[in-house]
Amino acid sequence: MFTVAVRNMGGAATWALNATTSLGSVRDLSPASVSPGPGEVATATFYVDVPAGAEPGRSVELRVIGTHSTDPDLFNTAKADVSVAFPDDSDGDAVLEGQDNCPTVPNAGQVDSDGDGIH
């Protein structure tokens, strides 16, 4: 699940939200529009369904666009790049469990900063 925050820096307005992904599909964007008051923040959530055969480590672009409900020329966008998870990498650091010196804490460099043989 992904969460996006929309901050209203102007006057009262309603913003229609749209989320896209470069791989798979976006599901359950909720709410589809927000109306935060001036200076307030509203949040929305969505899921990304990635195809079962997607290559682990592949980059995926997520983009959320907020468009003013009465003036479509007013909009803002945010982008994030994420990676398809490896099936045997519970901490998401792209090091598989069998080679990971600390499988519950992300440390892609596998640095043993305290010299105890584990992360």
PDB file of N, CA and C in Angstrom:
ATOM      1  N   MET A   1       0.847  -1.173   0.000  1.00  0.00           N
ATOM      2  CA  MET A   1       0.000   0.000   0.000  1.00  0.00           C
ATOM      3  C   MET A   1       0.894   1.237   0.000  1.00  0.00           C
ATOM      4  N   PHE A   2       0.509   2.222  -0.779  1.00  0.00           N
ATOM      5  CA  PHE A   2       1.210   3.485  -0.855  1.00  0.00           C
ATOM      6  C   PHE A   2       0.284   4.581  -0.338  1.00  0.00           C
ATOM      7  N   THR A   3       0.857   5.556   0.341  1.00  0.00           N
ATOM      8  CA  THR A   3       0.094   6.690   0.857  1.00  0.00           C
ATOM      9  C   THR A   3       0.679   7.963   0.271  1.00  0.00           C
ATOM     10  N   VAL A   4      -0.198   8.854  -0.167  1.00  0.00           N
ATOM     11  CA  VAL A   4       0.224  10.138  -0.700  1.00  0.00           C
ATOM     12  C   VAL A   4      -0.436  11.232   0.134  1.00  0.00           C
ATOM     13  N   ALA A   5       0.297  12.304   0.391  1.00  0.00           N
ATOM     14  CA  ALA A   5      -0.231  13.443   1.145  1.00  0.00           C
ATOM     15  C   ALA A   5      -0.344  14.638   0.223  1.00  0.00           C
ATOM     16  N   VAL A   6      -1.468  15.347   0.319  1.00  0.00           N
ATOM     17  CA  VAL A   6      -1.715  16.542  -0.488  1.00  0.00           C
ATOM     18  C   VAL A   6      -1.863  17.717   0.464  1.00  0.00           C
ATOM     19  N   ARG A   7      -0.988  18.713   0.323  1.00  0.00           N
ATOM     20  CA  ARG A   7      -1.065  19.914   1.155  1.00  0.00           C
ATOM     21  C   ARG A   7      -1.639  21.049   0.314  1.00  0.00           C
ATOM     22  N   ASN A   8      -2.655  21.704   0.843  1.00  0.00           N
ATOM     23  CA  ASN A   8      -3.269  22.837   0.165  1.00  0.00           C
ATOM     24  C   ASN A   8      -2.555  24.112   0.601  1.00  0.00           C
ATOM     25  N   MET A   9      -1.846  24.727  -0.330  1.00  0.00           N
ATOM     26  CA  MET A   9      -1.114  25.953  -0.034  1.00  0.00           C
ATOM     27  C   MET A   9      -1.888  27.199  -0.463  1.00  0.00           C
ATOM     28  N   GLY A  10      -3.101  27.017  -0.965  1.00  0.00           N
ATOM     29  CA  GLY A  10      -3.901  28.153  -1.431  1.00  0.00           C
ATOM     30  C   GLY A  10      -5.233  28.220  -0.711  1.00  0.00           C
ATOM     31  N   GLY A  11      -6.238  28.672  -1.433  1.00  0.00           N
ATOM     32  CA  GLY A  11      -7.588  28.785  -0.878  1.00  0.00           C
ATOM     33  C   GLY A  11      -8.324  27.461  -0.941  1.00  0.00           C
ATOM     34  N   ALA A  12      -9.580  27.487  -0.546  1.00  0.00           N
ATOM     35  CA  ALA A  12     -10.402  26.277  -0.555  1.00  0.00           C
ATOM     36  C   ALA A  12     -10.462  25.697  -1.963  1.00  0.00           C
ATOM     37  N   ALA A  13     -10.246  24.387  -2.077  1.00  0.00           N
ATOM     38  CA  ALA A  13     -10.263  23.737  -3.384  1.00  0.00           C
ATOM     39  C   ALA A  13     -10.454  22.238  -3.212  1.00  0.00           C
ATOM     40  N   THR A  14     -10.933  21.612  -4.261  1.00  0.00           N
ATOM     41  CA  THR A  14     -11.021  20.162  -4.323  1.00  0.00           C
ATOM     42  C   THR A  14     -10.067  19.698  -5.416  1.00  0.00           C
ATOM     43  N   TRP A  15      -9.328  18.659  -5.123  1.00  0.00           N
ATOM     44  CA  TRP A  15      -8.333  18.121  -6.047  1.00  0.00           C
ATOM     45  C   TRP A  15      -8.701  16.689  -6.422  1.00  0.00           C
ATOM     46  N   ALA A  16      -8.838  16.432  -7.736  1.00  0.00           N
ATOM     47  CA  ALA A  16      -9.060  15.069  -8.234  1.00  0.00           C
ATOM     48  C   ALA A  16      -7.701  14.392  -8.314  1.00  0.00           C
ATOM     49  N   LEU A  17      -7.612  13.177  -7.797  1.00  0.00           N
ATOM     50  CA  LEU A  17      -6.344  12.445  -7.764  1.00  0.00           C
ATOM     51  C   LEU A  17      -6.339  11.330  -8.787  1.00  0.00           C
ATOM     52  N   ASN A  18      -5.177  11.097  -9.380  1.00  0.00           N
ATOM     53  CA  ASN A  18      -4.986   9.994 -10.297  1.00  0.00           C
ATOM     54  C   ASN A  18      -3.597   9.413 -10.029  1.00  0.00           C
ATOM     55  N   ALA A  19      -3.503   8.097  -9.954  1.00  0.00           N
ATOM     56  CA  ALA A  19      -2.221   7.430  -9.741  1.00  0.00           C
ATOM     57  C   ALA A  19      -1.950   6.505 -10.921  1.00  0.00           C
ATOM     58  N   THR A  20      -0.696   6.483 -11.371  1.00  0.00           N
ATOM     59  CA  THR A  20      -0.304   5.610 -12.472  1.00  0.00           C
ATOM     60  C   THR A  20       0.968   4.859 -12.098  1.00  0.00           C
ATOM     61  N   THR A  21       1.221   3.778 -12.815  1.00  0.00           N
ATOM     62  CA  THR A  21       2.424   2.987 -12.620  1.00  0.00           C
ATOM     63  C   THR A  21       2.960   2.553 -13.971  1.00  0.00           C
ATOM     64  N   SER A  22       4.275   2.420 -14.077  1.00  0.00           N
ATOM     65  CA  SER A  22       4.886   1.980 -15.330  1.00  0.00           C
ATOM     66  C   SER A  22       4.849   0.463 -15.485  1.00  0.00           C
ATOM     67  N   LEU A  23       4.426  -0.244 -14.456  1.00  0.00           N
ATOM     68  CA  LEU A  23       4.345  -1.706 -14.514  1.00  0.00           C
ATOM     69  C   LEU A  23       3.141  -2.158 -13.704  1.00  0.00           C
ATOM     70  N   GLY A  24       2.289  -2.949 -14.288  1.00  0.00           N
ATOM     71  CA  GLY A  24       1.116  -3.431 -13.575  1.00  0.00           C
ATOM     72  C   GLY A  24      -0.009  -2.415 -13.601  1.00  0.00           C
ATOM     73  N   SER A  25      -0.768  -2.379 -12.497  1.00  0.00           N
ATOM     74  CA  SER A  25      -1.912  -1.480 -12.446  1.00  0.00           C
ATOM     75  C   SER A  25      -2.116  -0.951 -11.039  1.00  0.00           C
ATOM     76  N   VAL A  26      -2.739   0.230 -10.971  1.00  0.00           N
ATOM     77  CA  VAL A  26      -3.086   0.855  -9.698  1.00  0.00           C
ATOM     78  C   VAL A  26      -4.480   0.380  -9.315  1.00  0.00           C
ATOM     79  N   ARG A  27      -4.651   0.086  -8.035  1.00  0.00           N
ATOM     80  CA  ARG A  27      -5.938  -0.402  -7.538  1.00  0.00           C
ATOM     81  C   ARG A  27      -6.322   0.357  -6.274  1.00  0.00           C
ATOM     82  N   ASP A  28      -7.607   0.622  -6.140  1.00  0.00           N
ATOM     83  CA  ASP A  28      -8.203   1.152  -4.902  1.00  0.00           C
ATOM     84  C   ASP A  28      -7.637   2.492  -4.451  1.00  0.00           C
ATOM     85  N   LEU A  29      -7.489   3.453  -5.379  1.00  0.00           N
ATOM     86  CA  LEU A  29      -7.114   4.803  -4.975  1.00  0.00           C
ATOM     87  C   LEU A  29      -8.275   5.384  -4.173  1.00  0.00           C
ATOM     88  N   SER A  30      -7.998   5.727  -2.927  1.00  0.00           N
ATOM     89  CA  SER A  30      -9.082   6.191  -2.056  1.00  0.00           C
ATOM     90  C   SER A  30      -8.564   7.216  -1.056  1.00  0.00           C
ATOM     91  N   PRO A  31      -9.223   8.368  -0.994  1.00  0.00           N
ATOM     92  CA  PRO A  31     -10.318   8.810  -1.847  1.00  0.00           C
ATOM     93  C   PRO A  31      -9.774   9.275  -3.194  1.00  0.00           C
ATOM     94  N   ALA A  32     -10.669   9.381  -4.180  1.00  0.00           N
ATOM     95  CA  ALA A  32     -10.275   9.813  -5.521  1.00  0.00           C
ATOM     96  C   ALA A  32     -10.208  11.332  -5.624  1.00  0.00           C
ATOM     97  N   SER A  33     -10.724  12.024  -4.631  1.00  0.00           N
ATOM     98  CA  SER A  33     -10.588  13.483  -4.575  1.00  0.00           C
ATOM     99  C   SER A  33     -10.467  13.897  -3.113  1.00  0.00           C
ATOM    100  N   VAL A  34      -9.778  15.014  -2.894  1.00  0.00           N
ATOM    101  CA  VAL A  34      -9.574  15.531  -1.536  1.00  0.00           C
ATOM    102  C   VAL A  34      -9.867  17.021  -1.530  1.00  0.00           C
ATOM    103  N   SER A  35     -10.267  17.529  -0.379  1.00  0.00           N
ATOM    104  CA  SER A  35     -10.573  18.959  -0.222  1.00  0.00           C
ATOM    105  C   SER A  35      -9.978  19.491   1.080  1.00  0.00           C
ATOM    106  N   PRO A  36      -8.660  19.488   1.193  1.00  0.00           N
ATOM    107  CA  PRO A  36      -8.057  20.028   2.418  1.00  0.00           C
ATOM    108  C   PRO A  36      -8.249  21.545   2.474  1.00  0.00           C
ATOM    109  N   GLY A  37      -8.481  22.072   3.657  1.00  0.00           N
ATOM    110  CA  GLY A  37      -8.583  23.511   3.831  1.00  0.00           C
ATOM    111  C   GLY A  37      -7.221  24.156   3.648  1.00  0.00           C
ATOM    112  N   PRO A  38      -7.181  25.490   3.576  1.00  0.00           N
ATOM    113  CA  PRO A  38      -5.897  26.186   3.412  1.00  0.00           C
ATOM    114  C   PRO A  38      -4.892  25.775   4.496  1.00  0.00           C
ATOM    115  N   GLY A  39      -3.705  25.351   4.056  1.00  0.00           N
ATOM    116  CA  GLY A  39      -2.658  24.922   4.972  1.00  0.00           C
ATOM    117  C   GLY A  39      -2.821  23.510   5.506  1.00  0.00           C
ATOM    118  N   GLU A  40      -3.914  22.847   5.179  1.00  0.00           N
ATOM    119  CA  GLU A  40      -4.167  21.499   5.687  1.00  0.00           C
ATOM    120  C   GLU A  40      -3.615  20.440   4.735  1.00  0.00           C
ATOM    121  N   VAL A  41      -3.515  19.219   5.253  1.00  0.00           N
ATOM    122  CA  VAL A  41      -3.038  18.078   4.483  1.00  0.00           C
ATOM    123  C   VAL A  41      -4.126  17.015   4.454  1.00  0.00           C
ATOM    124  N   ALA A  42      -4.324  16.414   3.297  1.00  0.00           N
ATOM    125  CA  ALA A  42      -5.229  15.275   3.147  1.00  0.00           C
ATOM    126  C   ALA A  42      -4.412  14.113   2.597  1.00  0.00           C
ATOM    127  N   THR A  43      -4.775  12.900   2.960  1.00  0.00           N
ATOM    128  CA  THR A  43      -4.046  11.727   2.465  1.00  0.00           C
ATOM    129  C   THR A  43      -4.963  10.823   1.662  1.00  0.00           C
ATOM    130  N   ALA A  44      -4.341  10.066   0.775  1.00  0.00           N
ATOM    131  CA  ALA A  44      -5.037   9.046  -0.006  1.00  0.00           C
ATOM    132  C   ALA A  44      -4.120   7.829  -0.067  1.00  0.00           C
ATOM    133  N   THR A  45      -4.684   6.675  -0.282  1.00  0.00           N
ATOM    134  CA  THR A  45      -3.903   5.442  -0.367  1.00  0.00           C
ATOM    135  C   THR A  45      -4.251   4.706  -1.658  1.00  0.00           C
ATOM    136  N   PHE A  46      -3.323   3.861  -2.100  1.00  0.00           N
ATOM    137  CA  PHE A  46      -3.575   3.011  -3.253  1.00  0.00           C
ATOM    138  C   PHE A  46      -2.629   1.813  -3.214  1.00  0.00           C
ATOM    139  N   TYR A  47      -2.959   0.824  -4.017  1.00  0.00           N
ATOM    140  CA  TYR A  47      -2.147  -0.380  -4.156  1.00  0.00           C
ATOM    141  C   TYR A  47      -1.654  -0.469  -5.591  1.00  0.00           C
ATOM    142  N   VAL A  48      -0.525  -1.134  -5.786  1.00  0.00           N
ATOM    143  CA  VAL A  48      -0.020  -1.416  -7.124  1.00  0.00           C
ATOM    144  C   VAL A  48       0.045  -2.930  -7.268  1.00  0.00           C
ATOM    145  N   ASP A  49      -0.648  -3.439  -8.272  1.00  0.00           N
ATOM    146  CA  ASP A  49      -0.610  -4.863  -8.588  1.00  0.00           C
ATOM    147  C   ASP A  49       0.442  -5.082  -9.672  1.00  0.00           C
ATOM    148  N   VAL A  50       1.511  -5.784  -9.317  1.00  0.00           N
ATOM    149  CA  VAL A  50       2.615  -6.062 -10.232  1.00  0.00           C
ATOM    150  C   VAL A  50       2.421  -7.464 -10.786  1.00  0.00           C
ATOM    151  N   PRO A  51       2.623  -7.662 -12.094  1.00  0.00           N
ATOM    152  CA  PRO A  51       2.464  -9.000 -12.671  1.00  0.00           C
ATOM    153  C   PRO A  51       3.349 -10.026 -11.970  1.00  0.00           C
ATOM    154  N   ALA A  52       2.842 -11.235 -11.837  1.00  0.00           N
ATOM    155  CA  ALA A  52       3.543 -12.299 -11.115  1.00  0.00           C
ATOM    156  C   ALA A  52       4.932 -12.574 -11.690  1.00  0.00           C
ATOM    157  N   GLY A  53       5.119 -12.442 -12.975  1.00  0.00           N
ATOM    158  CA  GLY A  53       6.409 -12.745 -13.593  1.00  0.00           C
ATOM    159  C   GLY A  53       7.357 -11.557 -13.678  1.00  0.00           C
ATOM    160  N   ALA A  54       7.065 -10.466 -12.979  1.00  0.00           N
ATOM    161  CA  ALA A  54       7.915  -9.277 -13.065  1.00  0.00           C
ATOM    162  C   ALA A  54       9.309  -9.582 -12.539  1.00  0.00           C
ATOM    163  N   GLU A  55      10.306  -9.074 -13.236  1.00  0.00           N
ATOM    164  CA  GLU A  55      11.704  -9.314 -12.879  1.00  0.00           C
ATOM    165  C   GLU A  55      12.065  -8.631 -11.559  1.00  0.00           C
ATOM    166  N   PRO A  56      12.534  -9.395 -10.560  1.00  0.00           N
ATOM    167  CA  PRO A  56      12.959  -8.782  -9.294  1.00  0.00           C
ATOM    168  C   PRO A  56      14.035  -7.728  -9.521  1.00  0.00           C
ATOM    169  N   GLY A  57      13.922  -6.623  -8.840  1.00  0.00           N
ATOM    170  CA  GLY A  57      14.867  -5.527  -8.966  1.00  0.00           C
ATOM    171  C   GLY A  57      14.507  -4.529 -10.052  1.00  0.00           C
ATOM    172  N   ARG A  58      13.526  -4.859 -10.885  1.00  0.00           N
ATOM    173  CA  ARG A  58      13.127  -3.946 -11.970  1.00  0.00           C
ATOM    174  C   ARG A  58      12.577  -2.644 -11.394  1.00  0.00           C
ATOM    175  N   SER A  59      12.978  -1.537 -11.984  1.00  0.00           N
ATOM    176  CA  SER A  59      12.502  -0.228 -11.542  1.00  0.00           C
ATOM    177  C   SER A  59      11.067   0.002 -12.012  1.00  0.00           C
ATOM    178  N   VAL A  60      10.261   0.571 -11.127  1.00  0.00           N
ATOM    179  CA  VAL A  60       8.865   0.879 -11.420  1.00  0.00           C
ATOM    180  C   VAL A  60       8.615   2.331 -11.040  1.00  0.00           C
ATOM    181  N   GLU A  61       8.060   3.099 -11.969  1.00  0.00           N
ATOM    182  CA  GLU A  61       7.737   4.495 -11.687  1.00  0.00           C
ATOM    183  C   GLU A  61       6.292   4.595 -11.207  1.00  0.00           C
ATOM    184  N   LEU A  62       6.087   5.269 -10.087  1.00  0.00           N
ATOM    185  CA  LEU A  62       4.750   5.598  -9.587  1.00  0.00           C
ATOM    186  C   LEU A  62       4.577   7.100  -9.721  1.00  0.00           C
ATOM    187  N   ARG A  63       3.409   7.531 -10.153  1.00  0.00           N
ATOM    188  CA  ARG A  63       3.147   8.958 -10.310  1.00  0.00           C
ATOM    189  C   ARG A  63       1.730   9.248  -9.820  1.00  0.00           C
ATOM    190  N   VAL A  64       1.616  10.315  -9.043  1.00  0.00           N
ATOM    191  CA  VAL A  64       0.307  10.783  -8.570  1.00  0.00           C
ATOM    192  C   VAL A  64       0.127  12.209  -9.058  1.00  0.00           C
ATOM    193  N   ILE A  65      -1.029  12.469  -9.654  1.00  0.00           N
ATOM    194  CA  ILE A  65      -1.349  13.801 -10.160  1.00  0.00           C
ATOM    195  C   ILE A  65      -2.599  14.297  -9.449  1.00  0.00           C
ATOM    196  N   GLY A  66      -2.515  15.513  -8.922  1.00  0.00           N
ATOM    197  CA  GLY A  66      -3.672  16.183  -8.331  1.00  0.00           C
ATOM    198  C   GLY A  66      -4.093  17.311  -9.254  1.00  0.00           C
ATOM    199  N   THR A  67      -5.340  17.278  -9.717  1.00  0.00           N
ATOM    200  CA  THR A  67      -5.845  18.293 -10.645  1.00  0.00           C
ATOM    201  C   THR A  67      -6.978  19.062  -9.980  1.00  0.00           C
ATOM    202  N   HIS A  68      -6.923  20.382 -10.052  1.00  0.00           N
ATOM    203  CA  HIS A  68      -7.953  21.259  -9.479  1.00  0.00           C
ATOM    204  C   HIS A  68      -9.295  20.920 -10.122  1.00  0.00           C
ATOM    205  N   SER A  69     -10.330  20.775  -9.320  1.00  0.00           N
ATOM    206  CA  SER A  69     -11.618  20.304  -9.844  1.00  0.00           C
ATOM    207  C   SER A  69     -12.307  21.291 -10.776  1.00  0.00           C
ATOM    208  N   THR A  70     -12.056  22.579 -10.651  1.00  0.00           N
ATOM    209  CA  THR A  70     -12.731  23.543 -11.525  1.00  0.00           C
ATOM    210  C   THR A  70     -11.802  24.178 -12.555  1.00  0.00           C
ATOM    211  N   ASP A  71     -10.496  23.991 -12.427  1.00  0.00           N
ATOM    212  CA  ASP A  71      -9.543  24.552 -13.383  1.00  0.00           C
ATOM    213  C   ASP A  71      -8.474  23.502 -13.688  1.00  0.00           C
ATOM    214  N   PRO A  72      -8.679  22.707 -14.746  1.00  0.00           N
ATOM    215  CA  PRO A  72      -7.731  21.630 -15.054  1.00  0.00           C
ATOM    216  C   PRO A  72      -6.327  22.101 -15.411  1.00  0.00           C
ATOM    217  N   ASP A  73      -6.155  23.402 -15.625  1.00  0.00           N
ATOM    218  CA  ASP A  73      -4.811  23.917 -15.877  1.00  0.00           C
ATOM    219  C   ASP A  73      -3.990  24.005 -14.590  1.00  0.00           C
ATOM    220  N   LEU A  74      -4.662  23.866 -13.437  1.00  0.00           N
ATOM    221  CA  LEU A  74      -3.966  23.855 -12.148  1.00  0.00           C
ATOM    222  C   LEU A  74      -3.800  22.405 -11.704  1.00  0.00           C
ATOM    223  N   PHE A  75      -2.571  21.963 -11.638  1.00  0.00           N
ATOM    224  CA  PHE A  75      -2.303  20.587 -11.218  1.00  0.00           C
ATOM    225  C   PHE A  75      -0.909  20.512 -10.630  1.00  0.00           C
ATOM    226  N   ASN A  76      -0.651  19.410  -9.944  1.00  0.00           N
ATOM    227  CA  ASN A  76       0.675  19.135  -9.433  1.00  0.00           C
ATOM    228  C   ASN A  76       0.888  17.634  -9.515  1.00  0.00           C
ATOM    229  N   THR A  77       2.135  17.237  -9.610  1.00  0.00           N
ATOM    230  CA  THR A  77       2.442  15.824  -9.737  1.00  0.00           C
ATOM    231  C   THR A  77       3.612  15.455  -8.830  1.00  0.00           C
ATOM    232  N   ALA A  78       3.619  14.219  -8.387  1.00  0.00           N
ATOM    233  CA  ALA A  78       4.735  13.677  -7.608  1.00  0.00           C
ATOM    234  C   ALA A  78       5.083  12.322  -8.200  1.00  0.00           C
ATOM    235  N   LYS A  79       6.384  12.013  -8.210  1.00  0.00           N
ATOM    236  CA  LYS A  79       6.854  10.760  -8.788  1.00  0.00           C
ATOM    237  C   LYS A  79       7.765  10.057  -7.801  1.00  0.00           C
ATOM    238  N   ALA A  80       7.672   8.743  -7.779  1.00  0.00           N
ATOM    239  CA  ALA A  80       8.577   7.931  -6.968  1.00  0.00           C
ATOM    240  C   ALA A  80       9.007   6.724  -7.794  1.00  0.00           C
ATOM    241  N   ASP A  81      10.257   6.333  -7.646  1.00  0.00           N
ATOM    242  CA  ASP A  81      10.755   5.122  -8.289  1.00  0.00           C
ATOM    243  C   ASP A  81      10.946   4.069  -7.207  1.00  0.00           C
ATOM    244  N   VAL A  82      10.355   2.907  -7.433  1.00  0.00           N
ATOM    245  CA  VAL A  82      10.487   1.777  -6.520  1.00  0.00           C
ATOM    246  C   VAL A  82      10.964   0.582  -7.340  1.00  0.00           C
ATOM    247  N   SER A  83      11.318  -0.500  -6.669  1.00  0.00           N
ATOM    248  CA  SER A  83      11.790  -1.701  -7.360  1.00  0.00           C
ATOM    249  C   SER A  83      10.898  -2.878  -7.018  1.00  0.00           C
ATOM    250  N   VAL A  84      10.775  -3.787  -7.975  1.00  0.00           N
ATOM    251  CA  VAL A  84      10.062  -5.038  -7.737  1.00  0.00           C
ATOM    252  C   VAL A  84      10.851  -5.824  -6.692  1.00  0.00           C
ATOM    253  N   ALA A  85      10.174  -6.290  -5.666  1.00  0.00           N
ATOM    254  CA  ALA A  85      10.842  -6.996  -4.571  1.00  0.00           C
ATOM    255  C   ALA A  85      11.365  -8.359  -5.025  1.00  0.00           C
ATOM    256  N   PHE A  86      12.463  -8.766  -4.413  1.00  0.00           N
ATOM    257  CA  PHE A  86      12.970 -10.111  -4.605  1.00  0.00           C
ATOM    258  C   PHE A  86      12.151 -11.038  -3.714  1.00  0.00           C
ATOM    259  N   PRO A  87      11.776 -12.233  -4.202  1.00  0.00           N
ATOM    260  CA  PRO A  87      10.912 -13.110  -3.400  1.00  0.00           C
ATOM    261  C   PRO A  87      11.573 -13.630  -2.126  1.00  0.00           C
ATOM    262  N   ASP A  88      12.905 -13.655  -2.085  1.00  0.00           N
ATOM    263  CA  ASP A  88      13.623 -14.172  -0.920  1.00  0.00           C
ATOM    264  C   ASP A  88      14.455 -13.049  -0.298  1.00  0.00           C
ATOM    265  N   ASP A  89      13.794 -11.904  -0.043  1.00  0.00           N
ATOM    266  CA  ASP A  89      14.489 -10.728   0.498  1.00  0.00           C
ATOM    267  C   ASP A  89      13.507  -9.966   1.382  1.00  0.00           C
ATOM    268  N   SER A  90      13.299 -10.442   2.592  1.00  0.00           N
ATOM    269  CA  SER A  90      12.250  -9.864   3.447  1.00  0.00           C
ATOM    270  C   SER A  90      12.533  -8.440   3.892  1.00  0.00           C
ATOM    271  N   ASP A  91      13.802  -7.991   3.899  1.00  0.00           N
ATOM    272  CA  ASP A  91      14.064  -6.611   4.326  1.00  0.00           C
ATOM    273  C   ASP A  91      14.186  -5.636   3.162  1.00  0.00           C
ATOM    274  N   GLY A  92      14.085  -6.136   1.912  1.00  0.00           N
ATOM    275  CA  GLY A  92      14.039  -5.263   0.752  1.00  0.00           C
ATOM    276  C   GLY A  92      15.343  -4.585   0.376  1.00  0.00           C
ATOM    277  N   ASP A  93      16.489  -5.146   0.768  1.00  0.00           N
ATOM    278  CA  ASP A  93      17.764  -4.493   0.434  1.00  0.00           C
ATOM    279  C   ASP A  93      18.451  -5.100  -0.786  1.00  0.00           C
ATOM    280  N   ALA A  94      17.743  -5.972  -1.521  1.00  0.00           N
ATOM    281  CA  ALA A  94      18.239  -6.626  -2.740  1.00  0.00           C
ATOM    282  C   ALA A  94      19.362  -7.618  -2.469  1.00  0.00           C
ATOM    283  N   VAL A  95      19.509  -8.057  -1.229  1.00  0.00           N
ATOM    284  CA  VAL A  95      20.440  -9.130  -0.871  1.00  0.00           C
ATOM    285  C   VAL A  95      19.582 -10.298  -0.402  1.00  0.00           C
ATOM    286  N   LEU A  96      19.679 -11.444  -1.102  1.00  0.00           N
ATOM    287  CA  LEU A  96      18.836 -12.590  -0.769  1.00  0.00           C
ATOM    288  C   LEU A  96      19.163 -13.128   0.621  1.00  0.00           C
ATOM    289  N   GLU A  97      18.164 -13.720   1.256  1.00  0.00           N
ATOM    290  CA  GLU A  97      18.273 -14.186   2.642  1.00  0.00           C
ATOM    291  C   GLU A  97      19.530 -15.015   2.887  1.00  0.00           C
ATOM    292  N   GLY A  98      19.884 -15.920   1.956  1.00  0.00           N
ATOM    293  CA  GLY A  98      21.039 -16.793   2.151  1.00  0.00           C
ATOM    294  C   GLY A  98      22.368 -16.061   2.217  1.00  0.00           C
ATOM    295  N   GLN A  99      22.447 -14.883   1.629  1.00  0.00           N
ATOM    296  CA  GLN A  99      23.688 -14.107   1.650  1.00  0.00           C
ATOM    297  C   GLN A  99      23.594 -12.887   2.567  1.00  0.00           C
ATOM    298  N   ASP A 100      22.429 -12.625   3.128  1.00  0.00           N
ATOM    299  CA  ASP A 100      22.195 -11.410   3.916  1.00  0.00           C
ATOM    300  C   ASP A 100      22.685 -11.607   5.350  1.00  0.00           C
ATOM    301  N   ASN A 101      23.625 -10.742   5.803  1.00  0.00           N
ATOM    302  CA  ASN A 101      24.144 -10.882   7.165  1.00  0.00           C
ATOM    303  C   ASN A 101      23.163 -10.372   8.215  1.00  0.00           C
ATOM    304  N   CYS A 102      22.111  -9.711   7.788  1.00  0.00           N
ATOM    305  CA  CYS A 102      21.063  -9.259   8.707  1.00  0.00           C
ATOM    306  C   CYS A 102      19.756  -9.202   7.932  1.00  0.00           C
ATOM    307  N   PRO A 103      19.048 -10.322   7.819  1.00  0.00           N
ATOM    308  CA  PRO A 103      17.888 -10.400   6.940  1.00  0.00           C
ATOM    309  C   PRO A 103      16.667  -9.588   7.388  1.00  0.00           C
ATOM    310  N   THR A 104      16.707  -8.981   8.562  1.00  0.00           N
ATOM    311  CA  THR A 104      15.556  -8.187   9.005  1.00  0.00           C
ATOM    312  C   THR A 104      15.795  -6.689   8.969  1.00  0.00           C
ATOM    313  N   VAL A 105      17.047  -6.270   8.646  1.00  0.00           N
ATOM    314  CA  VAL A 105      17.378  -4.837   8.578  1.00  0.00           C
ATOM    315  C   VAL A 105      18.014  -4.561   7.217  1.00  0.00           C
ATOM    316  N   PRO A 106      17.453  -3.622   6.425  1.00  0.00           N
ATOM    317  CA  PRO A 106      18.036  -3.328   5.111  1.00  0.00           C
ATOM    318  C   PRO A 106      19.454  -2.777   5.235  1.00  0.00           C
ATOM    319  N   ASN A 107      20.392  -3.446   4.598  1.00  0.00           N
ATOM    320  CA  ASN A 107      21.785  -2.979   4.547  1.00  0.00           C
ATOM    321  C   ASN A 107      22.432  -3.579   3.313  1.00  0.00           C
ATOM    322  N   ALA A 108      22.127  -2.971   2.160  1.00  0.00           N
ATOM    323  CA  ALA A 108      22.589  -3.509   0.876  1.00  0.00           C
ATOM    324  C   ALA A 108      24.102  -3.660   0.819  1.00  0.00           C
ATOM    325  N   GLY A 109      24.849  -2.825   1.528  1.00  0.00           N
ATOM    326  CA  GLY A 109      26.303  -2.916   1.538  1.00  0.00           C
ATOM    327  C   GLY A 109      26.846  -4.010   2.411  1.00  0.00           C
ATOM    328  N   GLN A 110      25.983  -4.632   3.243  1.00  0.00           N
ATOM    329  CA  GLN A 110      26.359  -5.720   4.136  1.00  0.00           C
ATOM    330  C   GLN A 110      27.500  -5.329   5.073  1.00  0.00           C
ATOM    331  N   VAL A 111      27.525  -4.072   5.498  1.00  0.00           N
ATOM    332  CA  VAL A 111      28.569  -3.572   6.390  1.00  0.00           C
ATOM    333  C   VAL A 111      28.353  -4.118   7.787  1.00  0.00           C
ATOM    334  N   ASP A 112      29.412  -4.599   8.404  1.00  0.00           N
ATOM    335  CA  ASP A 112      29.373  -5.062   9.790  1.00  0.00           C
ATOM    336  C   ASP A 112      30.046  -3.971  10.630  1.00  0.00           C
ATOM    337  N   SER A 113      29.300  -2.927  10.934  1.00  0.00           N
ATOM    338  CA  SER A 113      29.887  -1.737  11.559  1.00  0.00           C
ATOM    339  C   SER A 113      30.401  -1.971  12.974  1.00  0.00           C
ATOM    340  N   ASP A 114      29.923  -2.995  13.682  1.00  0.00           N
ATOM    341  CA  ASP A 114      30.413  -3.228  15.041  1.00  0.00           C
ATOM    342  C   ASP A 114      31.348  -4.430  15.152  1.00  0.00           C
ATOM    343  N   GLY A 115      31.667  -5.085  14.021  1.00  0.00           N
ATOM    344  CA  GLY A 115      32.653  -6.160  13.995  1.00  0.00           C
ATOM    345  C   GLY A 115      32.241  -7.453  14.672  1.00  0.00           C
ATOM    346  N   ASP A 116      30.926  -7.660  14.858  1.00  0.00           N
ATOM    347  CA  ASP A 116      30.498  -8.877  15.554  1.00  0.00           C
ATOM    348  C   ASP A 116      30.142 -10.031  14.599  1.00  0.00           C
ATOM    349  N   GLY A 117      30.394  -9.838  13.311  1.00  0.00           N
ATOM    350  CA  GLY A 117      30.101 -10.902  12.348  1.00  0.00           C
ATOM    351  C   GLY A 117      28.681 -10.850  11.796  1.00  0.00           C
ATOM    352  N   ILE A 118      27.833 -10.003  12.351  1.00  0.00           N
ATOM    353  CA  ILE A 118      26.475  -9.783  11.856  1.00  0.00           C
ATOM    354  C   ILE A 118      26.252  -8.276  11.760  1.00  0.00           C
ATOM    355  N   HIS A 119      25.183  -7.875  11.131  1.00  0.00           N
ATOM    356  CA  HIS A 119      24.918  -6.437  10.947  1.00  0.00           C
ATOM    357  C   HIS A 119      24.911  -5.708  12.251  1.00  0.00           C
TER     358      HIS A 119
END
